[in-house]
N, C-alpha and C. Protein backbone atom coordinates (compact mmCIF):
# COMPACT_ATOMS: atom_id res chain seq x y z
N UNK A 1 155.90 128.70 164.14
CA UNK A 1 155.85 130.11 164.81
C UNK A 1 154.68 129.82 165.50
N UNK A 2 154.26 130.42 166.85
CA UNK A 2 153.50 130.26 167.64
C UNK A 2 152.77 131.67 167.89
N UNK A 3 151.34 131.38 167.94
CA UNK A 3 150.59 132.69 168.23
C UNK A 3 150.67 133.42 169.46
N UNK A 4 151.53 134.52 169.83
CA UNK A 4 151.40 135.19 171.33
C UNK A 4 150.09 135.78 171.75
N UNK A 5 149.33 136.17 171.01
CA UNK A 5 148.24 136.88 171.17
C UNK A 5 148.37 138.11 170.60
N UNK A 6 146.99 139.03 170.56
CA UNK A 6 147.24 140.22 169.94
C UNK A 6 148.10 141.15 170.71
N UNK A 7 149.04 141.95 169.77
CA UNK A 7 149.47 142.91 169.84
C UNK A 7 149.55 144.04 171.25
N UNK A 8 148.38 143.84 171.16
CA UNK A 8 147.80 145.32 172.24
C UNK A 8 147.42 145.00 173.65
N UNK A 9 148.04 143.34 173.85
CA UNK A 9 148.33 142.88 175.32
C UNK A 9 149.79 143.37 175.53
N UNK A 10 150.67 143.67 174.72
CA UNK A 10 152.04 143.81 174.76
C UNK A 10 152.19 144.81 174.70
N UNK A 11 151.49 146.38 174.31
CA UNK A 11 151.95 147.59 173.90
C UNK A 11 150.66 148.62 174.77
N UNK A 12 149.56 147.77 174.82
CA UNK A 12 148.47 148.58 175.60
C UNK A 12 147.70 148.74 174.49
N UNK A 13 146.23 149.55 174.96
CA UNK A 13 145.28 149.46 173.94
C UNK A 13 145.63 151.23 173.65
N UNK A 14 146.10 152.09 173.82
CA UNK A 14 146.62 153.24 173.74
C UNK A 14 147.46 153.64 173.17
N UNK A 15 148.96 152.62 172.66
CA UNK A 15 149.65 152.47 172.30
C UNK A 15 150.13 153.55 170.89
N UNK A 16 151.09 154.38 171.49
CA UNK A 16 151.61 155.19 170.05
C UNK A 16 152.31 154.39 168.97
N UNK A 17 152.07 152.92 169.34
CA UNK A 17 152.87 152.27 168.39
C UNK A 17 151.73 151.62 167.08
N UNK A 18 150.53 151.65 167.48
CA UNK A 18 149.60 150.94 166.70
C UNK A 18 148.74 152.10 166.45
N UNK A 19 148.36 152.63 164.89
CA UNK A 19 147.60 153.11 164.15
C UNK A 19 146.27 152.71 164.86
N UNK A 20 145.43 152.94 164.76
CA UNK A 20 143.92 152.72 165.37
C UNK A 20 143.31 152.74 163.83
N UNK A 21 143.53 153.68 163.16
CA UNK A 21 142.54 153.43 161.54
C UNK A 21 143.45 152.69 160.75
N UNK A 22 144.54 152.19 161.24
CA UNK A 22 144.83 151.24 159.97
C UNK A 22 144.05 149.51 160.34
N UNK A 23 143.97 149.47 161.58
CA UNK A 23 143.72 148.23 161.80
C UNK A 23 142.24 147.77 162.47
N UNK A 24 141.78 148.43 163.23
CA UNK A 24 140.25 148.43 164.10
C UNK A 24 139.32 148.96 162.83
N UNK A 25 139.29 150.25 161.94
CA UNK A 25 138.20 150.69 161.14
C UNK A 25 137.90 149.60 160.24
N UNK A 26 138.97 148.86 159.77
CA UNK A 26 138.98 148.03 158.86
C UNK A 26 138.79 146.13 159.41
N UNK A 27 138.21 145.88 160.82
CA UNK A 27 138.09 145.12 161.79
C UNK A 27 139.36 143.84 161.62
N UNK A 28 140.44 144.73 161.72
CA UNK A 28 141.55 143.15 161.82
C UNK A 28 141.79 143.32 163.32
N UNK A 29 142.37 142.28 163.87
CA UNK A 29 142.90 141.58 164.75
C UNK A 29 144.62 141.89 164.52
N UNK A 30 145.69 142.40 165.01
CA UNK A 30 146.70 141.77 164.90
C UNK A 30 147.71 141.39 165.84
N UNK A 31 148.15 140.06 165.59
CA UNK A 31 148.79 139.19 166.58
C UNK A 31 149.84 138.93 166.34
N UNK A 32 151.04 139.07 167.23
CA UNK A 32 152.26 138.67 167.52
C UNK A 32 152.82 137.33 167.16
N UNK A 33 152.98 137.00 166.52
CA UNK A 33 153.66 135.19 166.04
C UNK A 33 155.19 135.19 166.46
N UNK A 34 155.78 134.28 166.86
CA UNK A 34 156.89 134.51 167.40
C UNK A 34 157.41 132.57 167.43
N UNK A 35 158.95 132.52 167.22
CA UNK A 35 159.25 131.28 167.12
C UNK A 35 160.12 131.36 168.34
N UNK A 36 159.82 130.20 169.47
CA UNK A 36 160.68 130.36 170.49
C UNK A 36 162.04 129.50 170.23
N UNK A 37 162.73 129.24 169.65
CA UNK A 37 163.85 129.01 169.25
C UNK A 37 164.95 129.77 169.00
N UNK A 38 164.47 130.68 167.63
CA UNK A 38 165.10 131.72 167.38
C UNK A 38 164.86 133.17 167.79
N UNK A 39 164.05 132.95 168.51
CA UNK A 39 163.36 134.37 169.08
C UNK A 39 162.88 135.23 168.01
N UNK A 40 162.43 135.11 166.69
CA UNK A 40 161.79 135.49 165.56
C UNK A 40 160.24 135.53 165.90
N UNK A 41 160.28 137.50 165.75
CA UNK A 41 158.62 137.75 165.63
C UNK A 41 158.16 138.30 164.55
N UNK A 42 156.58 138.38 164.20
CA UNK A 42 156.11 139.43 163.45
C UNK A 42 154.89 139.34 163.51
N UNK A 43 154.41 140.13 163.04
CA UNK A 43 153.14 140.47 163.25
C UNK A 43 152.42 140.43 161.99
N UNK A 44 151.01 139.48 162.49
CA UNK A 44 150.18 139.30 161.43
C UNK A 44 148.45 139.93 161.65
N UNK A 45 147.66 140.09 160.75
CA UNK A 45 146.45 140.75 160.49
C UNK A 45 145.50 139.51 160.58
N UNK A 46 144.34 139.04 161.53
CA UNK A 46 143.44 138.37 161.02
C UNK A 46 142.11 139.37 160.67
N UNK A 47 141.80 138.61 160.11
CA UNK A 47 140.02 139.66 160.08
C UNK A 47 139.35 139.20 161.50
N UNK A 48 138.82 140.18 162.02
CA UNK A 48 137.90 139.94 163.52
C UNK A 48 136.22 139.13 162.59
N UNK A 49 135.77 138.33 163.68
CA UNK A 49 134.67 137.55 163.23
C UNK A 49 133.90 137.79 164.45
N UNK A 50 132.80 138.04 164.08
CA UNK A 50 131.59 138.33 165.60
C UNK A 50 131.40 136.68 165.81
N UNK A 51 131.29 136.22 166.81
CA UNK A 51 130.87 135.13 167.28
C UNK A 51 129.82 135.28 168.40
């Protein structure tokens, strides 16, 4: 599985498909993981870290 980056990059920051209260208030970033061979994809949440 490869990391395709934040789902926000695909859907846009104001997408109706992402519930803001679910991920942003809890400091999570939702990424799209995908398989380049079979084209399967899944969303995964990582906790945001201040760098």
